[in-house]
Amino acid sequence: MTNFTSIDSSASSLPDLKAALANAGGKLDGCRHKLAAAEQELDSLFAEPITSTNGTQLEARKQAWRASIEAYKLSIAAWEADIDAYKAEIAETLLRIHPAGLNN
């Protein structure tokens, strides 16, 4: 016997899941762009000549950009995991809904 209440709630959750998936995709793209910009900024710091007056500041800036790059990489991994989870949940929801549609 099909539980139509469960199917109705599953079907109603699809728009929210798809919106969350789209939002996560946008956040992932944003992180990727920020990562690329941070890597460019770090590369440009390596091109700057070290002088007696800027050495400490230059090294601190490099460390800060390295930390930012690592943070963006972690964020990217987290967003990718979220996207995979949303896709799996959408697929599971569709599998619950589809057989019910065949019974009508």
N, C-alpha and C. Protein backbone atom coordinates (compact mmCIF):
# COMPACT_ATOMS: atom_id res chain seq x y z
N MET A 1 0.84 -1.18 0.00
CA MET A 1 0.00 0.00 0.00
C MET A 1 0.88 1.24 0.00
N THR A 2 0.55 2.20 -0.81
CA THR A 2 1.33 3.42 -0.95
C THR A 2 0.90 4.42 0.10
N ASN A 3 1.86 5.03 0.76
CA ASN A 3 1.59 6.08 1.74
C ASN A 3 1.62 7.42 0.99
N PHE A 4 0.44 7.93 0.62
CA PHE A 4 0.37 9.14 -0.19
C PHE A 4 0.79 10.38 0.59
N THR A 5 0.61 10.39 1.90
CA THR A 5 1.06 11.52 2.71
C THR A 5 2.57 11.67 2.61
N SER A 6 3.25 10.54 2.68
CA SER A 6 4.71 10.55 2.56
C SER A 6 5.14 11.01 1.16
N ILE A 7 4.42 10.56 0.16
CA ILE A 7 4.75 10.95 -1.21
C ILE A 7 4.50 12.45 -1.41
N ASP A 8 3.37 12.93 -0.88
CA ASP A 8 3.07 14.36 -1.01
C ASP A 8 4.13 15.21 -0.34
N SER A 9 4.57 14.81 0.85
CA SER A 9 5.60 15.60 1.54
C SER A 9 6.93 15.50 0.82
N SER A 10 7.22 14.34 0.24
CA SER A 10 8.45 14.20 -0.55
C SER A 10 8.42 15.10 -1.77
N ALA A 11 7.27 15.10 -2.45
CA ALA A 11 7.13 15.93 -3.65
C ALA A 11 7.24 17.40 -3.29
N SER A 12 6.68 17.79 -2.16
CA SER A 12 6.72 19.20 -1.79
C SER A 12 8.12 19.64 -1.35
N SER A 13 8.97 18.68 -0.98
CA SER A 13 10.33 19.05 -0.59
C SER A 13 11.26 19.24 -1.78
N LEU A 14 10.86 18.75 -2.94
CA LEU A 14 11.73 18.86 -4.13
C LEU A 14 12.11 20.29 -4.48
N PRO A 15 11.19 21.24 -4.52
CA PRO A 15 11.60 22.62 -4.86
C PRO A 15 12.63 23.17 -3.88
N ASP A 16 12.46 22.86 -2.60
CA ASP A 16 13.43 23.33 -1.60
C ASP A 16 14.79 22.68 -1.82
N LEU A 17 14.79 21.40 -2.11
CA LEU A 17 16.05 20.70 -2.36
C LEU A 17 16.75 21.24 -3.61
N LYS A 18 15.97 21.48 -4.65
CA LYS A 18 16.55 22.01 -5.89
C LYS A 18 17.08 23.43 -5.68
N ALA A 19 16.37 24.22 -4.88
CA ALA A 19 16.84 25.58 -4.58
C ALA A 19 18.13 25.52 -3.76
N ALA A 20 18.18 24.61 -2.80
CA ALA A 20 19.39 24.46 -1.99
C ALA A 20 20.56 23.99 -2.85
N LEU A 21 20.29 23.10 -3.80
CA LEU A 21 21.33 22.63 -4.71
C LEU A 21 21.85 23.78 -5.56
N ALA A 22 20.95 24.59 -6.08
CA ALA A 22 21.38 25.74 -6.90
C ALA A 22 22.18 26.73 -6.06
N ASN A 23 21.74 26.97 -4.83
CA ASN A 23 22.45 27.89 -3.95
C ASN A 23 23.86 27.36 -3.65
N ALA A 24 23.95 26.07 -3.36
CA ALA A 24 25.26 25.47 -3.08
C ALA A 24 26.17 25.55 -4.30
N GLY A 25 25.59 25.37 -5.49
CA GLY A 25 26.38 25.51 -6.72
C GLY A 25 26.92 26.91 -6.89
N GLY A 26 26.10 27.89 -6.57
CA GLY A 26 26.55 29.28 -6.64
C GLY A 26 27.65 29.58 -5.63
N LYS A 27 27.48 29.06 -4.42
CA LYS A 27 28.51 29.26 -3.39
C LYS A 27 29.81 28.58 -3.79
N LEU A 28 29.70 27.39 -4.38
CA LEU A 28 30.89 26.68 -4.85
C LEU A 28 31.61 27.48 -5.92
N ASP A 29 30.87 28.00 -6.88
CA ASP A 29 31.48 28.84 -7.92
C ASP A 29 32.16 30.05 -7.32
N GLY A 30 31.51 30.68 -6.35
CA GLY A 30 32.09 31.84 -5.68
C GLY A 30 33.40 31.50 -4.99
N CYS A 31 33.42 30.36 -4.31
CA CYS A 31 34.65 29.94 -3.62
C CYS A 31 35.77 29.66 -4.63
N ARG A 32 35.40 29.05 -5.75
CA ARG A 32 36.42 28.76 -6.77
C ARG A 32 37.01 30.05 -7.34
N HIS A 33 36.18 31.04 -7.56
CA HIS A 33 36.68 32.32 -8.06
C HIS A 33 37.57 33.00 -7.02
N LYS A 34 37.14 32.95 -5.76
CA LYS A 34 37.95 33.56 -4.70
C LYS A 34 39.27 32.82 -4.52
N LEU A 35 39.25 31.49 -4.67
CA LEU A 35 40.49 30.72 -4.59
C LEU A 35 41.45 31.14 -5.70
N ALA A 36 40.94 31.26 -6.91
CA ALA A 36 41.79 31.67 -8.03
C ALA A 36 42.38 33.05 -7.79
N ALA A 37 41.56 33.96 -7.26
CA ALA A 37 42.06 35.32 -6.99
C ALA A 37 43.12 35.29 -5.88
N ALA A 38 42.90 34.49 -4.86
CA ALA A 38 43.87 34.39 -3.77
C ALA A 38 45.19 33.79 -4.27
N GLU A 39 45.10 32.79 -5.13
CA GLU A 39 46.32 32.19 -5.69
C GLU A 39 47.07 33.20 -6.55
N GLN A 40 46.36 34.00 -7.30
CA GLN A 40 47.00 35.05 -8.11
C GLN A 40 47.68 36.08 -7.21
N GLU A 41 46.99 36.44 -6.14
CA GLU A 41 47.55 37.43 -5.21
C GLU A 41 48.83 36.89 -4.57
N LEU A 42 48.80 35.63 -4.18
CA LEU A 42 50.01 35.02 -3.59
C LEU A 42 51.13 34.98 -4.62
N ASP A 43 50.82 34.60 -5.85
CA ASP A 43 51.83 34.59 -6.90
C ASP A 43 52.45 35.97 -7.11
N SER A 44 51.60 36.99 -7.05
CA SER A 44 52.12 38.35 -7.26
C SER A 44 53.05 38.76 -6.10
N LEU A 45 52.78 38.25 -4.91
CA LEU A 45 53.66 38.57 -3.78
C LEU A 45 55.04 37.93 -3.96
N PHE A 46 55.08 36.77 -4.58
CA PHE A 46 56.37 36.13 -4.84
C PHE A 46 57.17 36.90 -5.87
N ALA A 47 56.48 37.66 -6.71
CA ALA A 47 57.17 38.47 -7.71
C ALA A 47 57.71 39.78 -7.12
N GLU A 48 57.20 40.17 -5.95
CA GLU A 48 57.66 41.42 -5.31
C GLU A 48 59.06 41.21 -4.75
N PRO A 49 59.94 42.15 -4.99
CA PRO A 49 61.29 42.03 -4.43
C PRO A 49 61.28 42.28 -2.92
N ILE A 50 62.07 41.51 -2.22
CA ILE A 50 62.21 41.68 -0.77
C ILE A 50 63.27 42.74 -0.52
N THR A 51 62.88 43.70 0.30
CA THR A 51 63.83 44.75 0.69
C THR A 51 63.97 44.73 2.20
N SER A 52 64.87 45.56 2.68
CA SER A 52 65.08 45.62 4.13
C SER A 52 63.86 46.21 4.85
N THR A 53 63.03 46.95 4.14
CA THR A 53 61.88 47.59 4.79
C THR A 53 60.57 46.80 4.64
N ASN A 54 60.49 45.91 3.66
CA ASN A 54 59.22 45.22 3.45
C ASN A 54 59.26 43.72 3.73
N GLY A 55 60.39 43.19 4.12
CA GLY A 55 60.56 41.75 4.28
C GLY A 55 59.58 41.11 5.24
N THR A 56 59.43 41.69 6.42
CA THR A 56 58.53 41.12 7.43
C THR A 56 57.08 41.22 6.98
N GLN A 57 56.73 42.40 6.44
CA GLN A 57 55.36 42.60 6.00
C GLN A 57 55.03 41.67 4.82
N LEU A 58 55.96 41.52 3.91
CA LEU A 58 55.76 40.67 2.74
C LEU A 58 55.55 39.22 3.17
N GLU A 59 56.34 38.75 4.10
CA GLU A 59 56.19 37.37 4.58
C GLU A 59 54.86 37.18 5.30
N ALA A 60 54.43 38.17 6.06
CA ALA A 60 53.14 38.09 6.76
C ALA A 60 51.99 38.05 5.75
N ARG A 61 52.10 38.84 4.70
CA ARG A 61 51.06 38.84 3.66
C ARG A 61 51.01 37.50 2.95
N LYS A 62 52.17 36.91 2.69
CA LYS A 62 52.20 35.59 2.05
C LYS A 62 51.54 34.55 2.95
N GLN A 63 51.83 34.60 4.23
CA GLN A 63 51.22 33.64 5.16
C GLN A 63 49.71 33.82 5.21
N ALA A 64 49.26 35.05 5.19
CA ALA A 64 47.82 35.31 5.22
C ALA A 64 47.14 34.76 3.97
N TRP A 65 47.75 34.96 2.81
CA TRP A 65 47.16 34.44 1.58
C TRP A 65 47.20 32.92 1.54
N ARG A 66 48.26 32.31 2.08
CA ARG A 66 48.31 30.84 2.16
C ARG A 66 47.16 30.32 3.02
N ALA A 67 46.91 30.99 4.14
CA ALA A 67 45.82 30.59 5.02
C ALA A 67 44.47 30.75 4.31
N SER A 68 44.31 31.83 3.58
CA SER A 68 43.07 32.05 2.82
C SER A 68 42.88 30.95 1.77
N ILE A 69 43.94 30.60 1.10
CA ILE A 69 43.88 29.56 0.07
C ILE A 69 43.44 28.23 0.69
N GLU A 70 44.02 27.88 1.83
CA GLU A 70 43.63 26.64 2.51
C GLU A 70 42.16 26.70 2.94
N ALA A 71 41.71 27.85 3.42
CA ALA A 71 40.31 28.00 3.83
C ALA A 71 39.37 27.84 2.64
N TYR A 72 39.73 28.43 1.51
CA TYR A 72 38.90 28.28 0.31
C TYR A 72 38.86 26.83 -0.15
N LYS A 73 39.97 26.14 -0.08
CA LYS A 73 39.99 24.72 -0.47
C LYS A 73 39.08 23.90 0.44
N LEU A 74 39.09 24.19 1.73
CA LEU A 74 38.20 23.48 2.65
C LEU A 74 36.74 23.81 2.36
N SER A 75 36.46 25.06 2.07
CA SER A 75 35.09 25.47 1.73
C SER A 75 34.62 24.79 0.46
N ILE A 76 35.49 24.70 -0.51
CA ILE A 76 35.14 24.03 -1.77
C ILE A 76 34.80 22.57 -1.51
N ALA A 77 35.61 21.90 -0.71
CA ALA A 77 35.34 20.49 -0.38
C ALA A 77 33.99 20.35 0.33
N ALA A 78 33.70 21.27 1.23
CA ALA A 78 32.43 21.22 1.96
C ALA A 78 31.24 21.46 1.02
N TRP A 79 31.36 22.44 0.14
CA TRP A 79 30.26 22.71 -0.80
C TRP A 79 30.07 21.54 -1.75
N GLU A 80 31.16 20.92 -2.19
CA GLU A 80 31.05 19.74 -3.07
C GLU A 80 30.33 18.60 -2.35
N ALA A 81 30.64 18.41 -1.07
CA ALA A 81 29.97 17.37 -0.29
C ALA A 81 28.48 17.69 -0.14
N ASP A 82 28.16 18.96 0.10
CA ASP A 82 26.76 19.37 0.20
C ASP A 82 26.02 19.11 -1.11
N ILE A 83 26.66 19.45 -2.22
CA ILE A 83 26.05 19.24 -3.53
C ILE A 83 25.78 17.76 -3.77
N ASP A 84 26.75 16.92 -3.44
CA ASP A 84 26.55 15.48 -3.58
C ASP A 84 25.38 15.00 -2.72
N ALA A 85 25.28 15.52 -1.50
CA ALA A 85 24.19 15.13 -0.61
C ALA A 85 22.84 15.59 -1.16
N TYR A 86 22.78 16.82 -1.67
CA TYR A 86 21.52 17.30 -2.26
C TYR A 86 21.12 16.46 -3.47
N LYS A 87 22.08 16.15 -4.32
CA LYS A 87 21.78 15.33 -5.49
C LYS A 87 21.27 13.95 -5.09
N ALA A 88 21.88 13.36 -4.08
CA ALA A 88 21.44 12.04 -3.61
C ALA A 88 20.04 12.11 -3.02
N GLU A 89 19.77 13.17 -2.26
CA GLU A 89 18.45 13.32 -1.65
C GLU A 89 17.38 13.56 -2.71
N ILE A 90 17.70 14.33 -3.73
CA ILE A 90 16.76 14.56 -4.83
C ILE A 90 16.48 13.26 -5.56
N ALA A 91 17.54 12.49 -5.85
CA ALA A 91 17.36 11.22 -6.54
C ALA A 91 16.51 10.26 -5.71
N GLU A 92 16.76 10.22 -4.42
CA GLU A 92 15.98 9.34 -3.53
C GLU A 92 14.51 9.78 -3.50
N THR A 93 14.29 11.07 -3.44
CA THR A 93 12.93 11.60 -3.42
C THR A 93 12.21 11.26 -4.72
N LEU A 94 12.89 11.41 -5.83
CA LEU A 94 12.27 11.09 -7.12
C LEU A 94 11.92 9.61 -7.22
N LEU A 95 12.76 8.76 -6.65
CA LEU A 95 12.47 7.33 -6.66
C LEU A 95 11.23 7.01 -5.82
N ARG A 96 11.04 7.75 -4.73
CA ARG A 96 9.85 7.54 -3.89
C ARG A 96 8.60 8.03 -4.61
N ILE A 97 8.72 9.12 -5.36
CA ILE A 97 7.56 9.72 -6.01
C ILE A 97 7.18 8.97 -7.28
N HIS A 98 8.15 8.60 -8.07
CA HIS A 98 7.90 8.02 -9.39
C HIS A 98 7.01 6.78 -9.36
N PRO A 99 7.27 5.79 -8.54
CA PRO A 99 6.38 4.61 -8.54
C PRO A 99 4.94 4.98 -8.18
N ALA A 100 4.73 5.97 -7.34
CA ALA A 100 3.38 6.38 -6.97
C ALA A 100 2.65 6.94 -8.18
N GLY A 101 3.38 7.67 -9.01
CA GLY A 101 2.75 8.22 -10.21
C GLY A 101 2.30 7.14 -11.17
N LEU A 102 2.97 6.01 -11.17
CA LEU A 102 2.59 4.91 -12.05
C LEU A 102 1.32 4.22 -11.58
N ASN A 103 0.98 4.32 -10.30
CA ASN A 103 -0.20 3.65 -9.75
C ASN A 103 -1.48 4.42 -10.03
N ASN A 104 -1.38 5.65 -10.47
CA ASN A 104 -2.59 6.45 -10.69
C ASN A 104 -3.29 6.10 -11.96
